[in-house]
PDB file of N, CA and C in Angstrom:
ATOM      1  N   MET A   1      60.807  84.612  87.737  1.00  0.00           N
ATOM      2  CA  MET A   1      60.681  84.254  86.337  1.00  0.00           C
ATOM      3  C   MET A   1      61.513  85.190  85.480  1.00  0.00           C
ATOM      4  N   THR A   2      61.510  86.492  85.753  1.00  0.00           N
ATOM      5  CA  THR A   2      62.268  87.465  84.965  1.00  0.00           C
ATOM      6  C   THR A   2      63.760  87.230  85.096  1.00  0.00           C
ATOM      7  N   THR A   3      64.230  86.968  86.304  1.00  0.00           N
ATOM      8  CA  THR A   3      65.653  86.715  86.517  1.00  0.00           C
ATOM      9  C   THR A   3      66.089  85.476  85.743  1.00  0.00           C
ATOM     10  N   GLU A   4      65.237  84.462  85.712  1.00  0.00           N
ATOM     11  CA  GLU A   4      65.572  83.236  84.981  1.00  0.00           C
ATOM     12  C   GLU A   4      65.681  83.519  83.488  1.00  0.00           C
ATOM     13  N   THR A   5      64.779  84.356  82.968  1.00  0.00           N
ATOM     14  CA  THR A   5      64.815  84.708  81.549  1.00  0.00           C
ATOM     15  C   THR A   5      66.085  85.473  81.224  1.00  0.00           C
ATOM     16  N   ILE A   6      66.479  86.407  82.080  1.00  0.00           N
ATOM     17  CA  ILE A   6      67.695  87.182  81.848  1.00  0.00           C
ATOM     18  C   ILE A   6      68.916  86.279  81.889  1.00  0.00           C
ATOM     19  N   SER A   7      68.973  85.365  82.835  1.00  0.00           N
ATOM     20  CA  SER A   7      70.131  84.471  82.908  1.00  0.00           C
ATOM     21  C   SER A   7      70.162  83.535  81.710  1.00  0.00           C
ATOM     22  N   ASN A   8      69.002  83.095  81.212  1.00  0.00           N
ATOM     23  CA  ASN A   8      68.971  82.257  80.015  1.00  0.00           C
ATOM     24  C   ASN A   8      69.461  83.043  78.806  1.00  0.00           C
ATOM     25  N   GLN A   9      69.113  84.323  78.719  1.00  0.00           N
ATOM     26  CA  GLN A   9      69.566  85.150  77.606  1.00  0.00           C
ATOM     27  C   GLN A   9      71.089  85.235  77.634  1.00  0.00           C
ATOM     28  N   GLY A  10      71.675  85.416  78.800  1.00  0.00           N
ATOM     29  CA  GLY A  10      73.126  85.465  78.914  1.00  0.00           C
ATOM     30  C   GLY A  10      73.762  84.150  78.516  1.00  0.00           C
ATOM     31  N   THR A  11      73.130  83.051  78.882  1.00  0.00           N
ATOM     32  CA  THR A  11      73.641  81.737  78.530  1.00  0.00           C
ATOM     33  C   THR A  11      73.600  81.528  77.026  1.00  0.00           C
ATOM     34  N   VAL A  12      72.515  81.915  76.398  1.00  0.00           N
ATOM     35  CA  VAL A  12      72.383  81.754  74.948  1.00  0.00           C
ATOM     36  C   VAL A  12      73.401  82.620  74.235  1.00  0.00           C
ATOM     37  N   GLU A  13      73.531  83.873  74.649  1.00  0.00           N
ATOM     38  CA  GLU A  13      74.467  84.787  74.003  1.00  0.00           C
ATOM     39  C   GLU A  13      75.908  84.313  74.194  1.00  0.00           C
ATOM     40  N   GLY A  14      76.239  83.860  75.405  1.00  0.00           N
ATOM     41  CA  GLY A  14      77.586  83.356  75.661  1.00  0.00           C
ATOM     42  C   GLY A  14      77.887  82.115  74.837  1.00  0.00           C
ATOM     43  N   SER A  15      76.915  81.217  74.730  1.00  0.00           N
ATOM     44  CA  SER A  15      77.101  80.010  73.920  1.00  0.00           C
ATOM     45  C   SER A  15      77.272  80.365  72.453  1.00  0.00           C
ATOM     46  N   LYS A  16      76.501  81.336  72.006  1.00  0.00           N
ATOM     47  CA  LYS A  16      76.589  81.745  70.599  1.00  0.00           C
ATOM     48  C   LYS A  16      77.960  82.327  70.295  1.00  0.00           C
ATOM     49  N   GLN A  17      78.453  83.187  71.174  1.00  0.00           N
ATOM     50  CA  GLN A  17      79.770  83.796  70.953  1.00  0.00           C
ATOM     51  C   GLN A  17      80.872  82.742  70.998  1.00  0.00           C
ATOM     52  N   ALA A  18      80.778  81.812  71.926  1.00  0.00           N
ATOM     53  CA  ALA A  18      81.787  80.748  72.022  1.00  0.00           C
ATOM     54  C   ALA A  18      81.746  79.858  70.788  1.00  0.00           C
ATOM     55  N   LEU A  19      80.556  79.577  70.291  1.00  0.00           N
ATOM     56  CA  LEU A  19      80.423  78.753  69.094  1.00  0.00           C
ATOM     57  C   LEU A  19      81.028  79.445  67.883  1.00  0.00           C
ATOM     58  N   VAL A  20      80.751  80.724  67.722  1.00  0.00           N
ATOM     59  CA  VAL A  20      81.321  81.474  66.597  1.00  0.00           C
ATOM     60  C   VAL A  20      82.840  81.495  66.693  1.00  0.00           C
ATOM     61  N   ARG A  21      83.353  81.707  67.888  1.00  0.00           N
ATOM     62  CA  ARG A  21      84.813  81.730  68.093  1.00  0.00           C
ATOM     63  C   ARG A  21      85.428  80.370  67.746  1.00  0.00           C
ATOM     64  N   ASP A  22      84.783  79.291  68.200  1.00  0.00           N
ATOM     65  CA  ASP A  22      85.297  77.953  67.909  1.00  0.00           C
ATOM     66  C   ASP A  22      85.254  77.643  66.411  1.00  0.00           C
ATOM     67  N   LEU A  23      84.182  78.030  65.754  1.00  0.00           N
ATOM     68  CA  LEU A  23      84.089  77.776  64.318  1.00  0.00           C
ATOM     69  C   LEU A  23      85.132  78.575  63.544  1.00  0.00           C
ATOM     70  N   LYS A  24      85.402  79.794  63.971  1.00  0.00           N
ATOM     71  CA  LYS A  24      86.462  80.577  63.329  1.00  0.00           C
ATOM     72  C   LYS A  24      87.820  79.920  63.532  1.00  0.00           C
ATOM     73  N   ASN A  25      88.055  79.401  64.724  1.00  0.00           N
ATOM     74  CA  ASN A  25      89.316  78.705  65.001  1.00  0.00           C
ATOM     75  C   ASN A  25      89.452  77.453  64.135  1.00  0.00           C
ATOM     76  N   VAL A  26      88.377  76.690  64.007  1.00  0.00           N
ATOM     77  CA  VAL A  26      88.412  75.488  63.177  1.00  0.00           C
ATOM     78  C   VAL A  26      88.672  75.861  61.724  1.00  0.00           C
ATOM     79  N   ALA A  27      88.002  76.900  61.240  1.00  0.00           N
ATOM     80  CA  ALA A  27      88.218  77.339  59.861  1.00  0.00           C
ATOM     81  C   ALA A  27      89.654  77.802  59.659  1.00  0.00           C
ATOM     82  N   GLY A  28      90.195  78.524  60.628  1.00  0.00           N
ATOM     83  CA  GLY A  28      91.590  78.963  60.539  1.00  0.00           C
ATOM     84  C   GLY A  28      92.558  77.791  60.538  1.00  0.00           C
ATOM     85  N   ASP A  29      92.286  76.809  61.391  1.00  0.00           N
ATOM     86  CA  ASP A  29      93.136  75.614  61.430  1.00  0.00           C
ATOM     87  C   ASP A  29      93.058  74.841  60.112  1.00  0.00           C
ATOM     88  N   ALA A  30      91.866  74.746  59.556  1.00  0.00           N
ATOM     89  CA  ALA A  30      91.704  74.046  58.276  1.00  0.00           C
ATOM     90  C   ALA A  30      92.448  74.788  57.169  1.00  0.00           C
ATOM     91  N   ASN A  31      92.368  76.099  57.183  1.00  0.00           N
ATOM     92  CA  ASN A  31      93.075  76.905  56.185  1.00  0.00           C
ATOM     93  C   ASN A  31      94.588  76.715  56.307  1.00  0.00           C
ATOM     94  N   THR A  32      95.086  76.718  57.522  1.00  0.00           N
ATOM     95  CA  THR A  32      96.512  76.489  57.752  1.00  0.00           C
ATOM     96  C   THR A  32      96.917  75.101  57.278  1.00  0.00           C
ATOM     97  N   LEU A  33      96.075  74.123  57.578  1.00  0.00           N
ATOM     98  CA  LEU A  33      96.356  72.752  57.154  1.00  0.00           C
ATOM     99  C   LEU A  33      96.426  72.654  55.629  1.00  0.00           C
ATOM    100  N   ILE A  34      95.496  73.282  54.950  1.00  0.00           N
ATOM    101  CA  ILE A  34      95.490  73.254  53.478  1.00  0.00           C
ATOM    102  C   ILE A  34      96.743  73.916  52.923  1.00  0.00           C
ATOM    103  N   ASN A  35      97.132  75.051  53.511  1.00  0.00           N
ATOM    104  CA  ASN A  35      98.314  75.772  53.028  1.00  0.00           C
ATOM    105  C   ASN A  35      99.609  75.005  53.269  1.00  0.00           C
ATOM    106  N   ASN A  36      99.649  74.193  54.311  1.00  0.00           N
ATOM    107  CA  ASN A  36     100.883  73.498  54.677  1.00  0.00           C
ATOM    108  C   ASN A  36     100.946  72.056  54.196  1.00  0.00           C
ATOM    109  N   VAL A  37      99.937  71.587  53.516  1.00  0.00           N
ATOM    110  CA  VAL A  37      99.897  70.192  53.086  1.00  0.00           C
ATOM    111  C   VAL A  37     101.064  69.854  52.156  1.00  0.00           C
ATOM    112  N   ALA A  38     101.379  70.722  51.237  1.00  0.00           N
ATOM    113  CA  ALA A  38     102.413  70.425  50.240  1.00  0.00           C
ATOM    114  C   ALA A  38     103.791  70.245  50.866  1.00  0.00           C
ATOM    115  N   THR A  39     104.100  70.989  51.904  1.00  0.00           N
ATOM    116  CA  THR A  39     105.446  70.941  52.483  1.00  0.00           C
ATOM    117  C   THR A  39     105.519  70.158  53.792  1.00  0.00           C
ATOM    118  N   ALA A  40     104.399  69.662  54.274  1.00  0.00           N
ATOM    119  CA  ALA A  40     104.381  69.017  55.588  1.00  0.00           C
ATOM    120  C   ALA A  40     104.778  67.551  55.496  1.00  0.00           C
ATOM    121  N   THR A  41     105.347  67.067  56.574  1.00  0.00           N
ATOM    122  CA  THR A  41     105.654  65.647  56.688  1.00  0.00           C
ATOM    123  C   THR A  41     104.414  64.931  57.216  1.00  0.00           C
ATOM    124  N   SER A  42     104.451  63.629  57.194  1.00  0.00           N
ATOM    125  CA  SER A  42     103.284  62.867  57.650  1.00  0.00           C
ATOM    126  C   SER A  42     103.016  63.095  59.138  1.00  0.00           C
ATOM    127  N   ASP A  43     104.058  63.249  59.950  1.00  0.00           N
ATOM    128  CA  ASP A  43     103.857  63.515  61.378  1.00  0.00           C
ATOM    129  C   ASP A  43     103.183  64.861  61.595  1.00  0.00           C
ATOM    130  N   GLU A  44     103.594  65.866  60.824  1.00  0.00           N
ATOM    131  CA  GLU A  44     102.979  67.186  60.944  1.00  0.00           C
ATOM    132  C   GLU A  44     101.515  67.144  60.515  1.00  0.00           C
ATOM    133  N   LEU A  45     101.224  66.364  59.474  1.00  0.00           N
ATOM    134  CA  LEU A  45      99.839  66.233  59.022  1.00  0.00           C
ATOM    135  C   LEU A  45      98.982  65.539  60.080  1.00  0.00           C
ATOM    136  N   VAL A  46      99.534  64.528  60.725  1.00  0.00           N
ATOM    137  CA  VAL A  46      98.799  63.829  61.778  1.00  0.00           C
ATOM    138  C   VAL A  46      98.514  64.781  62.936  1.00  0.00           C
ATOM    139  N   MET A  47      99.504  65.572  63.330  1.00  0.00           N
ATOM    140  CA  MET A  47      99.304  66.533  64.414  1.00  0.00           C
ATOM    141  C   MET A  47      98.269  67.590  64.024  1.00  0.00           C
ATOM    142  N   ALA A  48      98.351  68.079  62.789  1.00  0.00           N
ATOM    143  CA  ALA A  48      97.405  69.088  62.327  1.00  0.00           C
ATOM    144  C   ALA A  48      95.993  68.506  62.267  1.00  0.00           C
ATOM    145  N   ARG A  49      95.894  67.280  61.797  1.00  0.00           N
ATOM    146  CA  ARG A  49      94.577  66.640  61.725  1.00  0.00           C
ATOM    147  C   ARG A  49      93.999  66.441  63.118  1.00  0.00           C
ATOM    148  N   THR A  50      94.829  66.028  64.053  1.00  0.00           N
ATOM    149  CA  THR A  50      94.385  65.844  65.432  1.00  0.00           C
ATOM    150  C   THR A  50      93.892  67.157  66.016  1.00  0.00           C
ATOM    151  N   LYS A  51      94.638  68.224  65.770  1.00  0.00           N
ATOM    152  CA  LYS A  51      94.243  69.539  66.268  1.00  0.00           C
ATOM    153  C   LYS A  51      92.921  69.980  65.640  1.00  0.00           C
ATOM    154  N   LEU A  52      92.773  69.754  64.351  1.00  0.00           N
ATOM    155  CA  LEU A  52      91.547  70.122  63.644  1.00  0.00           C
ATOM    156  C   LEU A  52      90.358  69.313  64.166  1.00  0.00           C
ATOM    157  N   GLU A  53      90.549  68.026  64.385  1.00  0.00           N
ATOM    158  CA  GLU A  53      89.475  67.184  64.919  1.00  0.00           C
ATOM    159  C   GLU A  53      89.084  67.615  66.326  1.00  0.00           C
ATOM    160  N   ALA A  54      90.063  67.987  67.141  1.00  0.00           N
ATOM    161  CA  ALA A  54      89.761  68.453  68.498  1.00  0.00           C
ATOM    162  C   ALA A  54      88.954  69.750  68.448  1.00  0.00           C
ATOM    163  N   GLY A  55      89.351  70.660  67.572  1.00  0.00           N
ATOM    164  CA  GLY A  55      88.607  71.917  67.435  1.00  0.00           C
ATOM    165  C   GLY A  55      87.197  71.684  66.937  1.00  0.00           C
ATOM    166  N   LEU A  56      87.039  70.773  66.015  1.00  0.00           N
ATOM    167  CA  LEU A  56      85.715  70.451  65.496  1.00  0.00           C
ATOM    168  C   LEU A  56      84.852  69.802  66.573  1.00  0.00           C
ATOM    169  N   ALA A  57      85.431  68.931  67.360  1.00  0.00           N
ATOM    170  CA  ALA A  57      84.694  68.302  68.463  1.00  0.00           C
ATOM    171  C   ALA A  57      84.249  69.345  69.480  1.00  0.00           C
ATOM    172  N   GLN A  58      85.126  70.305  69.771  1.00  0.00           N
ATOM    173  CA  GLN A  58      84.776  71.370  70.704  1.00  0.00           C
ATOM    174  C   GLN A  58      83.653  72.235  70.130  1.00  0.00           C
ATOM    175  N   ALA A  59      83.705  72.525  68.837  1.00  0.00           N
ATOM    176  CA  ALA A  59      82.645  73.310  68.201  1.00  0.00           C
ATOM    177  C   ALA A  59      81.315  72.564  68.251  1.00  0.00           C
ATOM    178  N   LYS A  60      81.348  71.258  68.039  1.00  0.00           N
ATOM    179  CA  LYS A  60      80.122  70.461  68.118  1.00  0.00           C
ATOM    180  C   LYS A  60      79.541  70.499  69.528  1.00  0.00           C
ATOM    181  N   THR A  61      80.411  70.417  70.523  1.00  0.00           N
ATOM    182  CA  THR A  61      79.958  70.484  71.904  1.00  0.00           C
ATOM    183  C   THR A  61      79.315  71.835  72.198  1.00  0.00           C
ATOM    184  N   ARG A  62      79.947  72.900  71.730  1.00  0.00           N
ATOM    185  CA  ARG A  62      79.382  74.241  71.932  1.00  0.00           C
ATOM    186  C   ARG A  62      78.040  74.389  71.218  1.00  0.00           C
ATOM    187  N   LEU A  63      77.931  73.813  70.030  1.00  0.00           N
ATOM    188  CA  LEU A  63      76.679  73.873  69.291  1.00  0.00           C
ATOM    189  C   LEU A  63      75.575  73.151  70.065  1.00  0.00           C
ATOM    190  N   HIS A  64      75.901  72.011  70.625  1.00  0.00           N
ATOM    191  CA  HIS A  64      74.928  71.278  71.428  1.00  0.00           C
ATOM    192  C   HIS A  64      74.520  72.095  72.651  1.00  0.00           C
ATOM    193  N   ASP A  65      75.502  72.700  73.330  1.00  0.00           N
ATOM    194  CA  ASP A  65      75.207  73.524  74.501  1.00  0.00           C
ATOM    195  C   ASP A  65      74.319  74.712  74.135  1.00  0.00           C
ATOM    196  N   ALA A  66      74.602  75.341  72.995  1.00  0.00           N
ATOM    197  CA  ALA A  66      73.785  76.468  72.547  1.00  0.00           C
ATOM    198  C   ALA A  66      72.368  76.003  72.233  1.00  0.00           C
ATOM    199  N   SER A  67      72.247  74.829  71.638  1.00  0.00           N
ATOM    200  CA  SER A  67      70.936  74.280  71.323  1.00  0.00           C
ATOM    201  C   SER A  67      70.134  74.016  72.595  1.00  0.00           C
ATOM    202  N   VAL A  68      70.781  73.453  73.595  1.00  0.00           N
ATOM    203  CA  VAL A  68      70.112  73.184  74.865  1.00  0.00           C
ATOM    204  C   VAL A  68      69.691  74.493  75.531  1.00  0.00           C
ATOM    205  N   ALA A  69      70.570  75.488  75.529  1.00  0.00           N
ATOM    206  CA  ALA A  69      70.243  76.770  76.143  1.00  0.00           C
ATOM    207  C   ALA A  69      69.079  77.439  75.417  1.00  0.00           C
ATOM    208  N   LEU A  70      69.070  77.374  74.104  1.00  0.00           N
ATOM    209  CA  LEU A  70      67.990  77.974  73.327  1.00  0.00           C
ATOM    210  C   LEU A  70      66.670  77.244  73.573  1.00  0.00           C
ATOM    211  N   THR A  71      66.717  75.930  73.667  1.00  0.00           N
ATOM    212  CA  THR A  71      65.518  75.151  73.959  1.00  0.00           C
ATOM    213  C   THR A  71      64.969  75.511  75.334  1.00  0.00           C
ATOM    214  N   ASP A  72      65.862  75.651  76.314  1.00  0.00           N
ATOM    215  CA  ASP A  72      65.437  76.035  77.660  1.00  0.00           C
ATOM    216  C   ASP A  72      64.804  77.419  77.661  1.00  0.00           C
ATOM    217  N   LYS A  73      65.389  78.331  76.908  1.00  0.00           N
ATOM    218  CA  LYS A  73      64.852  79.692  76.839  1.00  0.00           C
ATOM    219  C   LYS A  73      63.472  79.683  76.191  1.00  0.00           C
ATOM    220  N   ALA A  74      63.311  78.921  75.127  1.00  0.00           N
ATOM    221  CA  ALA A  74      62.012  78.840  74.454  1.00  0.00           C
ATOM    222  C   ALA A  74      60.963  78.222  75.377  1.00  0.00           C
ATOM    223  N   ARG A  75      61.358  77.200  76.104  1.00  0.00           N
ATOM    224  CA  ARG A  75      60.432  76.557  77.044  1.00  0.00           C
ATOM    225  C   ARG A  75      60.028  77.536  78.149  1.00  0.00           C
ATOM    226  N   CYS A  76      60.970  78.307  78.644  1.00  0.00           N
ATOM    227  CA  CYS A  76      60.681  79.294  79.686  1.00  0.00           C
ATOM    228  C   CYS A  76      59.725  80.362  79.152  1.00  0.00           C
ATOM    229  N   SER A  77      59.961  80.820  77.927  1.00  0.00           N
ATOM    230  CA  SER A  77      59.082  81.821  77.315  1.00  0.00           C
ATOM    231  C   SER A  77      57.680  81.266  77.112  1.00  0.00           C
ATOM    232  N   ALA A  78      57.579  80.035  76.670  1.00  0.00           N
ATOM    233  CA  ALA A  78      56.272  79.413  76.469  1.00  0.00           C
ATOM    234  C   ALA A  78      55.539  79.266  77.798  1.00  0.00           C
ATOM    235  N   ASP A  79      56.252  78.887  78.841  1.00  0.00           N
ATOM    236  CA  ASP A  79      55.632  78.754  80.160  1.00  0.00           C
ATOM    237  C   ASP A  79      55.141  80.105  80.677  1.00  0.00           C
ATOM    238  N   ALA A  80      55.954  81.155  80.477  1.00  0.00           N
ATOM    239  CA  ALA A  80      55.556  82.494  80.923  1.00  0.00           C
ATOM    240  C   ALA A  80      54.322  82.974  80.154  1.00  0.00           C
ATOM    241  N   THR A  81      54.292  82.708  78.852  1.00  0.00           N
ATOM    242  CA  THR A  81      53.140  83.099  78.041  1.00  0.00           C
ATOM    243  C   THR A  81      51.891  82.346  78.482  1.00  0.00           C
ATOM    244  N   ASP A  82      52.031  81.051  78.711  1.00  0.00           N
ATOM    245  CA  ASP A  82      50.902  80.248  79.164  1.00  0.00           C
ATOM    246  C   ASP A  82      50.369  80.757  80.500  1.00  0.00           C
ATOM    247  N   GLU A  83      51.274  81.074  81.405  1.00  0.00           N
ATOM    248  CA  GLU A  83      50.874  81.591  82.711  1.00  0.00           C
ATOM    249  C   GLU A  83      50.135  82.924  82.571  1.00  0.00           C
ATOM    250  N   TYR A  84      50.635  83.810  81.709  1.00  0.00           N
ATOM    251  CA  TYR A  84      49.992  85.113  81.504  1.00  0.00           C
ATOM    252  C   TYR A  84      48.595  84.931  80.917  1.00  0.00           C
ATOM    253  N   VAL A  85      48.458  84.041  79.926  1.00  0.00           N
ATOM    254  CA  VAL A  85      47.154  83.815  79.298  1.00  0.00           C
ATOM    255  C   VAL A  85      46.170  83.235  80.310  1.00  0.00           C
ATOM    256  N   ARG A  86      46.627  82.332  81.143  1.00  0.00           N
ATOM    257  CA  ARG A  86      45.731  81.745  82.150  1.00  0.00           C
ATOM    258  C   ARG A  86      45.329  82.769  83.202  1.00  0.00           C
ATOM    259  N   ASN A  87      46.214  83.715  83.542  1.00  0.00           N
ATOM    260  CA  ASN A  87      45.899  84.726  84.546  1.00  0.00           C
ATOM    261  C   ASN A  87      45.112  85.901  83.984  1.00  0.00           C
ATOM    262  N   ASN A  88      45.200  86.154  82.682  1.00  0.00           N
ATOM    263  CA  ASN A  88      44.545  87.311  82.059  1.00  0.00           C
ATOM    264  C   ASN A  88      43.816  86.908  80.771  1.00  0.00           C
ATOM    265  N   PRO A  89      42.819  86.033  80.859  1.00  0.00           N
ATOM    266  CA  PRO A  89      42.183  85.562  79.626  1.00  0.00           C
ATOM    267  C   PRO A  89      41.428  86.653  78.869  1.00  0.00           C
ATOM    268  N   TRP A  90      40.819  87.579  79.582  1.00  0.00           N
ATOM    269  CA  TRP A  90      40.036  88.616  78.903  1.00  0.00           C
ATOM    270  C   TRP A  90      40.939  89.622  78.197  1.00  0.00           C
ATOM    271  N   LYS A  91      42.061  89.929  78.781  1.00  0.00           N
ATOM    272  CA  LYS A  91      43.004  90.831  78.111  1.00  0.00           C
ATOM    273  C   LYS A  91      43.512  90.207  76.814  1.00  0.00           C
ATOM    274  N   VAL A  92      43.865  88.941  76.885  1.00  0.00           N
ATOM    275  CA  VAL A  92      44.378  88.235  75.705  1.00  0.00           C
ATOM    276  C   VAL A  92      43.291  88.154  74.634  1.00  0.00           C
ATOM    277  N   LEU A  93      42.074  87.871  75.042  1.00  0.00           N
ATOM    278  CA  LEU A  93      40.966  87.807  74.099  1.00  0.00           C
ATOM    279  C   LEU A  93      40.738  89.167  73.439  1.00  0.00           C
ATOM    280  N   GLY A  94      40.817  90.244  74.212  1.00  0.00           N
ATOM    281  CA  GLY A  94      40.654  91.592  73.665  1.00  0.00           C
ATOM    282  C   GLY A  94      41.751  91.936  72.670  1.00  0.00           C
ATOM    283  N   VAL A  95      42.980  91.601  72.988  1.00  0.00           N
ATOM    284  CA  VAL A  95      44.098  91.867  72.074  1.00  0.00           C
ATOM    285  C   VAL A  95      43.951  91.049  70.804  1.00  0.00           C
ATOM    286  N   ALA A  96      43.542  89.796  70.934  1.00  0.00           N
ATOM    287  CA  ALA A  96      43.354  88.948  69.757  1.00  0.00           C
ATOM    288  C   ALA A  96      42.226  89.488  68.877  1.00  0.00           C
ATOM    289  N   ALA A  97      41.137  89.946  69.488  1.00  0.00           N
ATOM    290  CA  ALA A  97      40.028  90.508  68.719  1.00  0.00           C
ATOM    291  C   ALA A  97      40.462  91.787  68.007  1.00  0.00           C
ATOM    292  N   ALA A  98      41.196  92.643  68.701  1.00  0.00           N
ATOM    293  CA  ALA A  98      41.680  93.881  68.083  1.00  0.00           C
ATOM    294  C   ALA A  98      42.615  93.569  66.916  1.00  0.00           C
ATOM    295  N   ALA A  99      43.503  92.605  67.093  1.00  0.00           N
ATOM    296  CA  ALA A  99      44.408  92.219  66.010  1.00  0.00           C
ATOM    297  C   ALA A  99      43.620  91.677  64.823  1.00  0.00           C
ATOM    298  N   GLY A 100      42.567  90.910  65.087  1.00  0.00           N
ATOM    299  CA  GLY A 100      41.724  90.385  64.014  1.00  0.00           C
ATOM    300  C   GLY A 100      41.023  91.488  63.247  1.00  0.00           C
ATOM    301  N   VAL A 101      40.542  92.510  63.955  1.00  0.00           N
ATOM    302  CA  VAL A 101      39.881  93.643  63.296  1.00  0.00           C
ATOM    303  C   VAL A 101      40.873  94.401  62.420  1.00  0.00           C
ATOM    304  N   VAL A 102      42.064  94.650  62.942  1.00  0.00           N
ATOM    305  CA  VAL A 102      43.085  95.373  62.170  1.00  0.00           C
ATOM    306  C   VAL A 102      43.475  94.578  60.932  1.00  0.00           C
ATOM    307  N   ILE A 103      43.735  93.309  61.078  1.00  0.00           N
ATOM    308  CA  ILE A 103      44.116  92.480  59.931  1.00  0.00           C
ATOM    309  C   ILE A 103      42.969  92.403  58.930  1.00  0.00           C
ATOM    310  N   GLY A 104      41.742  92.270  59.413  1.00  0.00           N
ATOM    311  CA  GLY A 104      40.583  92.248  58.523  1.00  0.00           C
ATOM    312  C   GLY A 104      40.436  93.549  57.760  1.00  0.00           C
ATOM    313  N   ALA A 105      40.676  94.668  58.427  1.00  0.00           N
ATOM    314  CA  ALA A 105      40.577  95.971  57.752  1.00  0.00           C
ATOM    315  C   ALA A 105      41.659  96.111  56.690  1.00  0.00           C
ATOM    316  N   ILE A 106      42.851  95.674  56.984  1.00  0.00           N
ATOM    317  CA  ILE A 106      43.945  95.751  56.028  1.00  0.00           C
ATOM    318  C   ILE A 106      43.670  94.864  54.814  1.00  0.00           C
ATOM    319  N   LEU A 107      43.185  93.659  55.049  1.00  0.00           N
ATOM    320  CA  LEU A 107      42.903  92.734  53.956  1.00  0.00           C
ATOM    321  C   LEU A 107      41.709  93.177  53.122  1.00  0.00           C
ATOM    322  N   SER A 108      40.725  93.849  53.719  1.00  0.00           N
ATOM    323  CA  SER A 108      39.547  94.267  52.965  1.00  0.00           C
ATOM    324  C   SER A 108      39.860  95.435  52.020  1.00  0.00           C
ATOM    325  N   ARG A 109      40.925  96.159  52.246  1.00  0.00           N
ATOM    326  CA  ARG A 109      41.314  97.281  51.375  1.00  0.00           C
ATOM    327  C   ARG A 109      41.916  96.803  50.074  1.00  0.00           C
ATOM    328  N   ARG A 110      42.382  95.603  50.027  1.00  0.00           N
ATOM    329  CA  ARG A 110      43.041  95.083  48.823  1.00  0.00           C
ATOM    330  C   ARG A 110      42.064  94.620  47.847  1.00  0.00           C
TER     331      ARG A 110
END
């Protein structure tokens, strides 16, 4: 279970970095396109638009991949938490009771 969590963390972090890189590339391409619009021919604009659309499509794909990886990580964490609670119900109950006492004490001072 721990190895799976670590590998999911790497997947999420890698997807996040790739997504940021792709979005920066798309923004740079859009900026270049805006700067060159006045002097560009229609063929150059078509090529620039195609390149921009390809970069945007790649960014969307990376965003989807990051979303899937994050969902998998959350599901794995929820499963691990559920397993821990089922294996240690009295510990969880004790921690919850202690947290309730602390929160109650803090709120009663106000």
